C-alpha atoms as a PDB file:
ATOM      1  CA  MET A   1      66.481 145.251 132.627  1.00  0.00           C
ATOM      2  CA  ILE A   2      69.379 147.192 133.721  1.00  0.00           C
ATOM      3  CA  PHE A   3      67.744 150.482 132.021  1.00  0.00           C
ATOM      4  CA  ASP A   4      64.487 151.688 132.415  1.00  0.00           C
ATOM      5  CA  ILE A   5      63.963 155.191 131.192  1.00  0.00           C
ATOM      6  CA  LYS A   6      60.025 155.743 133.342  1.00  0.00           C
ATOM      7  CA  ARG A   7      62.081 154.665 136.469  1.00  0.00           C
ATOM      8  CA  ASP A   8      64.577 156.505 135.501  1.00  0.00           C
ATOM      9  CA  TRP A   9      62.115 159.494 135.276  1.00  0.00           C
ATOM     10  CA  PHE A  10      60.207 158.790 138.118  1.00  0.00           C
ATOM     11  CA  PHE A  11      63.032 158.823 140.863  1.00  0.00           C
ATOM     12  CA  GLY A  12      65.552 161.487 138.745  1.00  0.00           C
ATOM     13  CA  THR A  13      62.436 163.927 138.681  1.00  0.00           C
ATOM     14  CA  LEU A  14      62.286 163.321 142.688  1.00  0.00           C
ATOM     15  CA  PHE A  15      66.196 164.005 142.844  1.00  0.00           C
ATOM     16  CA  LEU A  16      66.274 166.780 141.289  1.00  0.00           C
ATOM     17  CA  VAL A  17      63.778 168.316 143.316  1.00  0.00           C
ATOM     18  CA  ASN A  18      64.565 167.624 146.475  1.00  0.00           C
ATOM     19  CA  PHE A  19      68.305 168.942 144.877  1.00  0.00           C
ATOM     20  CA  ILE A  20      66.174 172.989 143.730  1.00  0.00           C
ATOM     21  CA  VAL A  21      64.554 173.148 147.144  1.00  0.00           C
ATOM     22  CA  LEU A  22      68.731 172.957 148.868  1.00  0.00           C
ATOM     23  CA  VAL A  23      69.644 174.990 146.249  1.00  0.00           C
ATOM     24  CA  PHE A  24      66.287 177.311 147.279  1.00  0.00           C
ATOM     25  CA  LEU A  25      67.548 176.820 150.324  1.00  0.00           C
ATOM     26  CA  PHE A  26      71.351 177.475 150.443  1.00  0.00           C
ATOM     27  CA  ILE A  27      70.886 180.633 148.145  1.00  0.00           C
ATOM     28  CA  PHE A  28      68.227 182.391 151.054  1.00  0.00           C
ATOM     29  CA  ARG A  29      70.282 181.105 154.359  1.00  0.00           C
ATOM     30  CA  ASN A  30      71.086 184.339 154.808  1.00  0.00           C
ATOM     31  CA  ASN A  31      67.074 185.299 155.581  1.00  0.00           C
ATOM     32  CA  LEU A  32      66.237 182.978 158.264  1.00  0.00           C
ATOM     33  CA  PRO A  33      66.774 183.368 161.551  1.00  0.00           C
ATOM     34  CA  PRO A  34      69.877 180.871 163.155  1.00  0.00           C
ATOM     35  CA  GLU A  35      67.127 178.906 165.199  1.00  0.00           C
ATOM     36  CA  VAL A  36      63.695 177.664 163.081  1.00  0.00           C
ATOM     37  CA  PRO A  37      60.512 175.768 163.698  1.00  0.00           C
ATOM     38  CA  LEU A  38      62.026 172.626 162.706  1.00  0.00           C
ATOM     39  CA  LEU A  39      60.659 169.978 165.767  1.00  0.00           C
ATOM     40  CA  TYR A  40      56.719 169.697 165.711  1.00  0.00           C
ATOM     41  CA  GLY A  41      57.541 166.496 167.750  1.00  0.00           C
ATOM     42  CA  ARG A  42      58.385 167.964 170.593  1.00  0.00           C
ATOM     43  CA  ALA A  43      55.961 169.901 173.396  1.00  0.00           C
ATOM     44  CA  ILE A  44      55.444 173.981 172.031  1.00  0.00           C
ATOM     45  CA  GLY A  45      57.802 176.370 172.912  1.00  0.00           C
ATOM     46  CA  GLU A  46      62.233 176.214 173.014  1.00  0.00           C
ATOM     47  CA  GLN A  47      61.550 172.316 172.379  1.00  0.00           C
ATOM     48  CA  GLN A  48      60.726 173.345 168.821  1.00  0.00           C
ATOM     49  CA  LEU A  49      64.037 175.343 167.479  1.00  0.00           C
ATOM     50  CA  ALA A  50      66.554 174.169 166.050  1.00  0.00           C
ATOM     51  CA  LYS A  51      69.132 176.113 164.539  1.00  0.00           C
ATOM     52  CA  SER A  52      68.471 177.368 160.547  1.00  0.00           C
ATOM     53  CA  ASN A  53      71.317 174.849 159.289  1.00  0.00           C
ATOM     54  CA  TYR A  54      69.291 172.482 160.368  1.00  0.00           C
ATOM     55  CA  LEU A  55      66.490 172.848 157.382  1.00  0.00           C
ATOM     56  CA  ILE A  56      68.651 170.719 154.845  1.00  0.00           C
ATOM     57  CA  MET A  57      68.343 167.432 157.622  1.00  0.00           C
ATOM     58  CA  PRO A  58      64.723 166.483 155.744  1.00  0.00           C
ATOM     59  CA  LEU A  59      65.468 166.750 152.198  1.00  0.00           C
ATOM     60  CA  ILE A  60      68.924 165.123 153.383  1.00  0.00           C
ATOM     61  CA  VAL A  61      66.970 162.327 154.071  1.00  0.00           C
ATOM     62  CA  SER A  62      64.706 161.901 151.045  1.00  0.00           C
ATOM     63  CA  ILE A  63      67.191 161.728 149.281  1.00  0.00           C
ATOM     64  CA  VAL A  64      68.613 158.851 150.862  1.00  0.00           C
ATOM     65  CA  PHE A  65      65.881 157.535 150.850  1.00  0.00           C
ATOM     66  CA  VAL A  66      64.950 158.214 147.058  1.00  0.00           C
ATOM     67  CA  ALA A  67      68.585 156.518 146.364  1.00  0.00           C
ATOM     68  CA  PHE A  68      67.565 153.787 148.171  1.00  0.00           C
ATOM     69  CA  ASN A  69      64.088 152.620 146.656  1.00  0.00           C
ATOM     70  CA  PHE A  70      65.418 153.938 143.359  1.00  0.00           C
ATOM     71  CA  PHE A  71      68.610 151.389 144.021  1.00  0.00           C
ATOM     72  CA  ALA A  72      66.630 148.930 145.422  1.00  0.00           C
ATOM     73  CA  ASP A  73      63.417 148.801 142.769  1.00  0.00           C
ATOM     74  CA  LYS A  74      66.530 147.931 139.956  1.00  0.00           C
ATOM     75  CA  LYS A  75      67.601 145.285 141.946  1.00  0.00           C
ATOM     76  CA  LEU A  76      64.001 143.838 142.491  1.00  0.00           C
ATOM     77  CA  SER A  77      61.928 142.593 140.211  1.00  0.00           C
ATOM     78  CA  ASN A  78      58.595 142.571 142.062  1.00  0.00           C
ATOM     79  CA  LYS A  79      55.895 145.303 140.096  1.00  0.00           C
ATOM     80  CA  PHE A  80      54.277 145.433 143.077  1.00  0.00           C
ATOM     81  CA  LEU A  81      57.560 146.204 145.629  1.00  0.00           C
ATOM     82  CA  GLY A  82      58.586 149.114 142.308  1.00  0.00           C
ATOM     83  CA  LYS A  83      55.571 150.601 143.424  1.00  0.00           C
ATOM     84  CA  ILE A  84      55.829 150.228 146.769  1.00  0.00           C
ATOM     85  CA  PHE A  85      58.855 152.243 146.483  1.00  0.00           C
ATOM     86  CA  LYS A  86      57.975 154.814 144.230  1.00  0.00           C
ATOM     87  CA  GLY A  87      54.987 155.589 146.930  1.00  0.00           C
ATOM     88  CA  THR A  88      57.195 155.794 149.076  1.00  0.00           C
ATOM     89  CA  SER A  89      59.931 158.182 147.934  1.00  0.00           C
ATOM     90  CA  ILE A  90      57.402 160.940 146.623  1.00  0.00           C
ATOM     91  CA  VAL A  91      55.476 161.285 149.569  1.00  0.00           C
ATOM     92  CA  LEU A  92      58.410 161.185 151.768  1.00  0.00           C
ATOM     93  CA  THR A  93      59.419 164.148 148.628  1.00  0.00           C
ATOM     94  CA  LEU A  94      56.008 166.391 149.299  1.00  0.00           C
ATOM     95  CA  LEU A  95      56.644 166.032 152.916  1.00  0.00           C
ATOM     96  CA  SER A  96      60.071 166.578 153.302  1.00  0.00           C
ATOM     97  CA  VAL A  97      59.961 170.067 150.939  1.00  0.00           C
ATOM     98  CA  ILE A  98      56.232 170.954 151.941  1.00  0.00           C
ATOM     99  CA  THR A  99      57.895 171.422 155.833  1.00  0.00           C
ATOM    100  CA  ILE A 100      60.420 173.174 154.871  1.00  0.00           C
ATOM    101  CA  LEU A 101      59.270 175.196 152.336  1.00  0.00           C
ATOM    102  CA  ARG A 102      56.230 175.612 154.730  1.00  0.00           C
ATOM    103  CA  ILE A 103      58.583 177.393 157.420  1.00  0.00           C
ATOM    104  CA  PHE A 104      61.055 179.510 154.873  1.00  0.00           C
ATOM    105  CA  PHE A 105      57.556 181.115 153.855  1.00  0.00           C
ATOM    106  CA  LEU A 106      56.605 181.675 157.137  1.00  0.00           C
ATOM    107  CA  ILE A 107      59.741 183.086 159.130  1.00  0.00           C
ATOM    108  CA  ALA A 108      62.029 184.642 156.048  1.00  0.00           C
ATOM    109  CA  LYS A 109      62.834 188.442 155.754  1.00  0.00           C
ATOM    110  CA  LEU A 110      62.108 188.668 152.571  1.00  0.00           C
END
């Protein structure tokens, strides 16, 4: 099936959520310090810090994965794989949005 309103609506919503957070970061970028604690996998201290411009990286990764999953879901006819693609897309989008918003509200000067 070429056009499926449920699939297109689902992935479109995830794109919209990522885009809204990108716009949010762009609008309030002046309220962020020059470095933010983004790299949680590293040792505690300065190694966790990254430039505040890098806060968009989780969103970009999420958008790329959602786009890949959308086109893969569109090409494949297996419903189980489609559910896996949708699940991974929503989990990745939620984790990236939660991470960015927690960092923003932790250190932003509002």
